PDB file of all heavy atoms in Angstrom:
ATOM      1  N   ASP A   1      28.613 -28.270  30.365  1.00  0.00           N
ATOM      2  CA  ASP A   1      28.676 -28.529  28.929  1.00  0.00           C
ATOM      3  C   ASP A   1      29.019 -27.248  28.173  1.00  0.00           C
ATOM      4  O   ASP A   1      29.822 -27.261  27.227  1.00  0.00           O
ATOM      5  CB  ASP A   1      27.329 -29.087  28.461  1.00  0.00           C
ATOM      6  CG  ASP A   1      27.368 -29.573  27.028  1.00  0.00           C
ATOM      7  OD1 ASP A   1      28.303 -30.325  26.673  1.00  0.00           O
ATOM      8  OD2 ASP A   1      26.470 -29.212  26.248  1.00  0.00           O
ATOM      9  N   ARG A   2      28.449 -26.121  28.601  1.00  0.00           N
ATOM     10  CA  ARG A   2      28.774 -24.836  27.984  1.00  0.00           C
ATOM     11  C   ARG A   2      30.234 -24.455  28.249  1.00  0.00           C
ATOM     12  O   ARG A   2      30.921 -23.947  27.352  1.00  0.00           O
ATOM     13  CB  ARG A   2      27.854 -23.750  28.530  1.00  0.00           C
ATOM     14  CG  ARG A   2      26.394 -23.871  28.117  1.00  0.00           C
ATOM     15  CD  ARG A   2      25.568 -22.785  28.785  1.00  0.00           C
ATOM     16  NE  ARG A   2      24.179 -22.789  28.364  1.00  0.00           N
ATOM     17  CZ  ARG A   2      23.268 -21.931  28.819  1.00  0.00           C
ATOM     18  NH1 ARG A   2      23.618 -21.001  29.697  1.00  0.00           N
ATOM     19  NH2 ARG A   2      22.024 -21.986  28.398  1.00  0.00           N
ATOM     20  N   VAL A   3      30.670 -24.677  29.467  1.00  0.00           N
ATOM     21  CA  VAL A   3      32.055 -24.345  29.823  1.00  0.00           C
ATOM     22  C   VAL A   3      33.022 -25.183  28.988  1.00  0.00           C
ATOM     23  O   VAL A   3      34.013 -24.662  28.451  1.00  0.00           O
ATOM     24  CB  VAL A   3      32.308 -24.561  31.327  1.00  0.00           C
ATOM     25  CG1 VAL A   3      33.799 -24.465  31.640  1.00  0.00           C
ATOM     26  CG2 VAL A   3      31.533 -23.535  32.144  1.00  0.00           C
ATOM     27  N   LEU A   4      32.748 -26.471  28.879  1.00  0.00           N
ATOM     28  CA  LEU A   4      33.635 -27.335  28.096  1.00  0.00           C
ATOM     29  C   LEU A   4      33.690 -26.881  26.644  1.00  0.00           C
ATOM     30  O   LEU A   4      34.768 -26.851  26.031  1.00  0.00           O
ATOM     31  CB  LEU A   4      33.159 -28.786  28.185  1.00  0.00           C
ATOM     32  CG  LEU A   4      33.980 -29.802  27.396  1.00  0.00           C
ATOM     33  CD1 LEU A   4      35.434 -29.806  27.843  1.00  0.00           C
ATOM     34  CD2 LEU A   4      33.381 -31.204  27.540  1.00  0.00           C
ATOM     35  N   GLU A   5      32.545 -26.519  26.080  1.00  0.00           N
ATOM     36  CA  GLU A   5      32.533 -26.039  24.691  1.00  0.00           C
ATOM     37  C   GLU A   5      33.382 -24.778  24.545  1.00  0.00           C
ATOM     38  O   GLU A   5      34.145 -24.630  23.579  1.00  0.00           O
ATOM     39  CB  GLU A   5      31.098 -25.763  24.256  1.00  0.00           C
ATOM     40  CG  GLU A   5      30.978 -25.308  22.804  1.00  0.00           C
ATOM     41  CD  GLU A   5      29.542 -25.066  22.375  1.00  0.00           C
ATOM     42  OE1 GLU A   5      28.640 -25.142  23.234  1.00  0.00           O
ATOM     43  OE2 GLU A   5      29.324 -24.794  21.177  1.00  0.00           O
ATOM     44  N   ALA A   6      33.260 -23.865  25.522  1.00  0.00           N
ATOM     45  CA  ALA A   6      34.042 -22.623  25.457  1.00  0.00           C
ATOM     46  C   ALA A   6      35.531 -22.892  25.603  1.00  0.00           C
ATOM     47  O   ALA A   6      36.366 -22.270  24.923  1.00  0.00           O
ATOM     48  CB  ALA A   6      33.564 -21.663  26.547  1.00  0.00           C
ATOM     49  N   VAL A   7      35.894 -23.818  26.472  1.00  0.00           N
ATOM     50  CA  VAL A   7      37.303 -24.158  26.675  1.00  0.00           C
ATOM     51  C   VAL A   7      37.875 -24.808  25.423  1.00  0.00           C
ATOM     52  O   VAL A   7      39.009 -24.508  25.008  1.00  0.00           O
ATOM     53  CB  VAL A   7      37.459 -25.080  27.894  1.00  0.00           C
ATOM     54  CG1 VAL A   7      38.889 -25.608  27.999  1.00  0.00           C
ATOM     55  CG2 VAL A   7      37.088 -24.340  29.179  1.00  0.00           C
ATOM     56  N   LEU A   8      37.113 -25.667  24.793  1.00  0.00           N
ATOM     57  CA  LEU A   8      37.585 -26.324  23.577  1.00  0.00           C
ATOM     58  C   LEU A   8      37.719 -25.341  22.416  1.00  0.00           C
ATOM     59  O   LEU A   8      38.549 -25.534  21.521  1.00  0.00           O
ATOM     60  CB  LEU A   8      36.645 -27.465  23.192  1.00  0.00           C
ATOM     61  CG  LEU A   8      36.637 -28.673  24.141  1.00  0.00           C
ATOM     62  CD1 LEU A   8      35.552 -29.658  23.738  1.00  0.00           C
ATOM     63  CD2 LEU A   8      38.000 -29.354  24.157  1.00  0.00           C
ATOM     64  N   ASP A   9      36.898 -24.296  22.413  1.00  0.00           N
ATOM     65  CA  ASP A   9      36.983 -23.285  21.358  1.00  0.00           C
ATOM     66  C   ASP A   9      38.158 -22.327  21.565  1.00  0.00           C
ATOM     67  O   ASP A   9      38.590 -21.659  20.622  1.00  0.00           O
ATOM     68  CB  ASP A   9      35.679 -22.474  21.295  1.00  0.00           C
ATOM     69  CG  ASP A   9      34.544 -23.252  20.658  1.00  0.00           C
ATOM     70  OD1 ASP A   9      34.823 -24.258  19.977  1.00  0.00           O
ATOM     71  OD2 ASP A   9      33.373 -22.856  20.842  1.00  0.00           O
ATOM     72  N   ALA A  10      38.660 -22.233  22.804  1.00  0.00           N
ATOM     73  CA  ALA A  10      39.773 -21.323  23.111  1.00  0.00           C
ATOM     74  C   ALA A  10      41.101 -21.965  22.706  1.00  0.00           C
ATOM     75  O   ALA A  10      41.189 -23.188  22.533  1.00  0.00           O
ATOM     76  CB  ALA A  10      39.770 -21.004  24.603  1.00  0.00           C
ATOM     77  N   PRO A  11      42.142 -21.168  22.545  1.00  0.00           N
ATOM     78  CA  PRO A  11      43.461 -21.736  22.239  1.00  0.00           C
ATOM     79  C   PRO A  11      43.899 -22.713  23.330  1.00  0.00           C
ATOM     80  O   PRO A  11      43.618 -22.506  24.517  1.00  0.00           O
ATOM     81  CB  PRO A  11      44.376 -20.500  22.204  1.00  0.00           C
ATOM     82  CG  PRO A  11      43.464 -19.360  21.910  1.00  0.00           C
ATOM     83  CD  PRO A  11      42.169 -19.685  22.577  1.00  0.00           C
ATOM     84  N   LEU A  12      44.566 -23.775  22.936  1.00  0.00           N
ATOM     85  CA  LEU A  12      45.019 -24.784  23.886  1.00  0.00           C
ATOM     86  C   LEU A  12      45.928 -24.153  24.937  1.00  0.00           C
ATOM     87  O   LEU A  12      46.892 -23.455  24.604  1.00  0.00           O
ATOM     88  CB  LEU A  12      45.759 -25.897  23.148  1.00  0.00           C
ATOM     89  CG  LEU A  12      46.176 -27.101  24.000  1.00  0.00           C
ATOM     90  CD1 LEU A  12      44.956 -27.808  24.565  1.00  0.00           C
ATOM     91  CD2 LEU A  12      47.011 -28.080  23.163  1.00  0.00           C
ATOM     92  N   GLY A  13      45.607 -24.384  26.184  1.00  0.00           N
ATOM     93  CA  GLY A  13      46.402 -23.842  27.271  1.00  0.00           C
ATOM     94  C   GLY A  13      46.021 -22.435  27.674  1.00  0.00           C
ATOM     95  O   GLY A  13      46.612 -21.871  28.609  1.00  0.00           O
ATOM     96  N   ASP A  14      45.035 -21.852  26.982  1.00  0.00           N
ATOM     97  CA  ASP A  14      44.600 -20.488  27.299  1.00  0.00           C
ATOM     98  C   ASP A  14      43.072 -20.459  27.411  1.00  0.00           C
ATOM     99  O   ASP A  14      42.382 -19.865  26.581  1.00  0.00           O
ATOM    100  CB  ASP A  14      45.076 -19.521  26.215  1.00  0.00           C
ATOM    101  CG  ASP A  14      44.773 -18.071  26.575  1.00  0.00           C
ATOM    102  OD1 ASP A  14      44.597 -17.773  27.780  1.00  0.00           O
ATOM    103  OD2 ASP A  14      44.692 -17.245  25.654  1.00  0.00           O
ATOM    104  N   PRO A  15      42.510 -21.103  28.428  1.00  0.00           N
ATOM    105  CA  PRO A  15      41.048 -21.189  28.555  1.00  0.00           C
ATOM    106  C   PRO A  15      40.443 -19.822  28.872  1.00  0.00           C
ATOM    107  O   PRO A  15      41.148 -18.892  29.282  1.00  0.00           O
ATOM    108  CB  PRO A  15      40.860 -22.149  29.727  1.00  0.00           C
ATOM    109  CG  PRO A  15      42.097 -22.003  30.547  1.00  0.00           C
ATOM    110  CD  PRO A  15      43.199 -21.757  29.551  1.00  0.00           C
ATOM    111  N   PRO A  16      39.144 -19.671  28.694  1.00  0.00           N
ATOM    112  CA  PRO A  16      38.491 -18.402  29.036  1.00  0.00           C
ATOM    113  C   PRO A  16      38.678 -18.097  30.521  1.00  0.00           C
ATOM    114  O   PRO A  16      38.811 -19.013  31.342  1.00  0.00           O
ATOM    115  CB  PRO A  16      37.014 -18.667  28.715  1.00  0.00           C
ATOM    116  CG  PRO A  16      37.025 -19.835  27.786  1.00  0.00           C
ATOM    117  CD  PRO A  16      38.204 -20.666  28.158  1.00  0.00           C
ATOM    118  N   PRO A  17      38.680 -16.818  30.889  1.00  0.00           N
ATOM    119  CA  PRO A  17      38.805 -16.471  32.309  1.00  0.00           C
ATOM    120  C   PRO A  17      37.572 -16.916  33.088  1.00  0.00           C
ATOM    121  O   PRO A  17      36.510 -17.171  32.516  1.00  0.00           O
ATOM    122  CB  PRO A  17      38.943 -14.947  32.292  1.00  0.00           C
ATOM    123  CG  PRO A  17      38.319 -14.521  31.003  1.00  0.00           C
ATOM    124  CD  PRO A  17      38.582 -15.620  30.025  1.00  0.00           C
ATOM    125  N   TRP A  18      37.726 -16.969  34.409  1.00  0.00           N
ATOM    126  CA  TRP A  18      36.634 -17.432  35.258  1.00  0.00           C
ATOM    127  C   TRP A  18      35.362 -16.622  35.040  1.00  0.00           C
ATOM    128  O   TRP A  18      34.256 -17.167  35.015  1.00  0.00           O
ATOM    129  CB  TRP A  18      37.051 -17.381  36.722  1.00  0.00           C
ATOM    130  CG  TRP A  18      35.886 -17.528  37.662  1.00  0.00           C
ATOM    131  CD1 TRP A  18      35.347 -16.592  38.465  1.00  0.00           C
ATOM    132  CD2 TRP A  18      35.113 -18.715  37.854  1.00  0.00           C
ATOM    133  NE1 TRP A  18      34.282 -17.104  39.160  1.00  0.00           N
ATOM    134  CE2 TRP A  18      34.107 -18.403  38.801  1.00  0.00           C
ATOM    135  CE3 TRP A  18      35.152 -20.001  37.305  1.00  0.00           C
ATOM    136  CZ2 TRP A  18      33.167 -19.341  39.227  1.00  0.00           C
ATOM    137  CZ3 TRP A  18      34.213 -20.936  37.724  1.00  0.00           C
ATOM    138  CH2 TRP A  18      33.230 -20.612  38.676  1.00  0.00           C
ATOM    139  N   LEU A  19      35.483 -15.289  34.882  1.00  0.00           N
ATOM    140  CA  LEU A  19      34.302 -14.455  34.697  1.00  0.00           C
ATOM    141  C   LEU A  19      33.517 -14.878  33.459  1.00  0.00           C
ATOM    142  O   LEU A  19      32.282 -14.907  33.476  1.00  0.00           O
ATOM    143  CB  LEU A  19      34.717 -12.985  34.574  1.00  0.00           C
ATOM    144  CG  LEU A  19      33.561 -11.970  34.471  1.00  0.00           C
ATOM    145  CD1 LEU A  19      32.646 -12.074  35.681  1.00  0.00           C
ATOM    146  CD2 LEU A  19      34.114 -10.554  34.327  1.00  0.00           C
ATOM    147  N   ALA A  20      34.218 -15.236  32.395  1.00  0.00           N
ATOM    148  CA  ALA A  20      33.536 -15.682  31.175  1.00  0.00           C
ATOM    149  C   ALA A  20      32.852 -17.026  31.397  1.00  0.00           C
ATOM    150  O   ALA A  20      31.732 -17.254  30.910  1.00  0.00           O
ATOM    151  CB  ALA A  20      34.533 -15.779  30.021  1.00  0.00           C
ATOM    152  N   MET A  21      33.495 -17.927  32.125  1.00  0.00           N
ATOM    153  CA  MET A  21      32.872 -19.228  32.410  1.00  0.00           C
ATOM    154  C   MET A  21      31.660 -19.057  33.308  1.00  0.00           C
ATOM    155  O   MET A  21      30.640 -19.728  33.134  1.00  0.00           O
ATOM    156  CB  MET A  21      33.906 -20.163  33.043  1.00  0.00           C
ATOM    157  CG  MET A  21      34.985 -20.625  32.077  1.00  0.00           C
ATOM    158  SD  MET A  21      36.033 -21.940  32.735  1.00  0.00           S
ATOM    159  CE  MET A  21      37.124 -20.997  33.807  1.00  0.00           C
ATOM    160  N   ARG A  22      31.760 -18.141  34.268  1.00  0.00           N
ATOM    161  CA  ARG A  22      30.657 -17.897  35.184  1.00  0.00           C
ATOM    162  C   ARG A  22      29.433 -17.384  34.427  1.00  0.00           C
ATOM    163  O   ARG A  22      28.295 -17.738  34.742  1.00  0.00           O
ATOM    164  CB  ARG A  22      31.101 -16.887  36.242  1.00  0.00           C
ATOM    165  CG  ARG A  22      29.961 -16.247  37.027  1.00  0.00           C
ATOM    166  CD  ARG A  22      30.379 -14.883  37.570  1.00  0.00           C
ATOM    167  NE  ARG A  22      29.225 -14.107  37.975  1.00  0.00           N
ATOM    168  CZ  ARG A  22      28.501 -13.352  37.165  1.00  0.00           C
ATOM    169  NH1 ARG A  22      28.799 -13.288  35.886  1.00  0.00           N
ATOM    170  NH2 ARG A  22      27.473 -12.664  37.630  1.00  0.00           N
ATOM    171  N   ARG A  23      29.658 -16.540  33.408  1.00  0.00           N
ATOM    172  CA  ARG A  23      28.542 -15.977  32.651  1.00  0.00           C
ATOM    173  C   ARG A  23      27.773 -17.025  31.862  1.00  0.00           C
ATOM    174  O   ARG A  23      26.657 -16.761  31.396  1.00  0.00           O
ATOM    175  CB  ARG A  23      29.073 -14.896  31.695  1.00  0.00           C
ATOM    176  CG  ARG A  23      29.459 -13.598  32.385  1.00  0.00           C
ATOM    177  CD  ARG A  23      30.106 -12.647  31.421  1.00  0.00           C
ATOM    178  NE  ARG A  23      30.430 -11.372  32.043  1.00  0.00           N
ATOM    179  CZ  ARG A  23      31.371 -10.542  31.615  1.00  0.00           C
ATOM    180  NH1 ARG A  23      32.081 -10.872  30.528  1.00  0.00           N
ATOM    181  NH2 ARG A  23      31.604  -9.410  32.231  1.00  0.00           N
ATOM    182  N   LEU A  24      28.348 -18.184  31.673  1.00  0.00           N
ATOM    183  CA  LEU A  24      27.672 -19.258  30.941  1.00  0.00           C
ATOM    184  C   LEU A  24      26.665 -20.005  31.804  1.00  0.00           C
ATOM    185  O   LEU A  24      25.878 -20.803  31.293  1.00  0.00           O
ATOM    186  CB  LEU A  24      28.707 -20.240  30.393  1.00  0.00           C
ATOM    187  CG  LEU A  24      29.694 -19.675  29.371  1.00  0.00           C
ATOM    188  CD1 LEU A  24      30.768 -20.709  29.045  1.00  0.00           C
ATOM    189  CD2 LEU A  24      28.967 -19.237  28.104  1.00  0.00           C
ATOM    190  N   HIS A  25      26.680 -19.748  33.103  1.00  0.00           N
ATOM    191  CA  HIS A  25      25.761 -20.438  34.012  1.00  0.00           C
ATOM    192  C   HIS A  25      24.325 -19.990  33.731  1.00  0.00           C
ATOM    193  O   HIS A  25      24.042 -18.796  33.656  1.00  0.00           O
ATOM    194  CB  HIS A  25      26.130 -20.128  35.467  1.00  0.00           C
ATOM    195  CG  HIS A  25      25.504 -21.048  36.447  1.00  0.00           C
ATOM    196  ND1 HIS A  25      24.177 -20.964  36.810  1.00  0.00           N
ATOM    197  CD2 HIS A  25      26.009 -22.087  37.158  1.00  0.00           C
ATOM    198  CE1 HIS A  25      23.899 -21.894  37.699  1.00  0.00           C
ATOM    199  NE2 HIS A  25      24.993 -22.594  37.926  1.00  0.00           N
ATOM    200  N   PRO A  26      23.390 -20.934  33.574  1.00  0.00           N
ATOM    201  CA  PRO A  26      22.020 -20.551  33.190  1.00  0.00           C
ATOM    202  C   PRO A  26      21.259 -19.757  34.242  1.00  0.00           C
ATOM    203  O   PRO A  26      20.274 -19.099  33.900  1.00  0.00           O
ATOM    204  CB  PRO A  26      21.336 -21.900  32.923  1.00  0.00           C
ATOM    205  CG  PRO A  26      22.165 -22.909  33.625  1.00  0.00           C
ATOM    206  CD  PRO A  26      23.562 -22.394  33.618  1.00  0.00           C
ATOM    207  N   LEU A  27      21.684 -19.800  35.510  1.00  0.00           N
ATOM    208  CA  LEU A  27      20.933 -19.124  36.562  1.00  0.00           C
ATOM    209  C   LEU A  27      21.594 -17.861  37.081  1.00  0.00           C
ATOM    210  O   LEU A  27      21.011 -17.167  37.919  1.00  0.00           O
ATOM    211  CB  LEU A  27      20.702 -20.080  37.743  1.00  0.00           C
ATOM    212  CG  LEU A  27      19.961 -21.377  37.439  1.00  0.00           C
ATOM    213  CD1 LEU A  27      19.729 -22.158  38.723  1.00  0.00           C
ATOM    214  CD2 LEU A  27      18.644 -21.109  36.731  1.00  0.00           C
ATOM    215  N   VAL A  28      22.807 -17.566  36.626  1.00  0.00           N
ATOM    216  CA  VAL A  28      23.526 -16.402  37.139  1.00  0.00           C
ATOM    217  C   VAL A  28      23.242 -15.200  36.250  1.00  0.00           C
ATOM    218  O   VAL A  28      23.582 -15.193  35.071  1.00  0.00           O
ATOM    219  CB  VAL A  28      25.035 -16.672  37.218  1.00  0.00           C
ATOM    220  CG1 VAL A  28      25.775 -15.418  37.647  1.00  0.00           C
ATOM    221  CG2 VAL A  28      25.304 -17.796  38.213  1.00  0.00           C
ATOM    222  N   ALA A  29      22.610 -14.184  36.828  1.00  0.00           N
ATOM    223  CA  ALA A  29      22.257 -12.988  36.057  1.00  0.00           C
ATOM    224  C   ALA A  29      23.484 -12.120  35.833  1.00  0.00           C
ATOM    225  O   ALA A  29      24.443 -12.166  36.609  1.00  0.00           O
ATOM    226  CB  ALA A  29      21.194 -12.200  36.805  1.00  0.00           C
TER     227      ALA A  29
END
């Protein structure tokens, strides 16, 4: 759900990089 929100907030066709999506994970320090 966090990843989808971040992707929708990014410019169309230019989603956040994997590292940014990974940081949204609740258990990954």
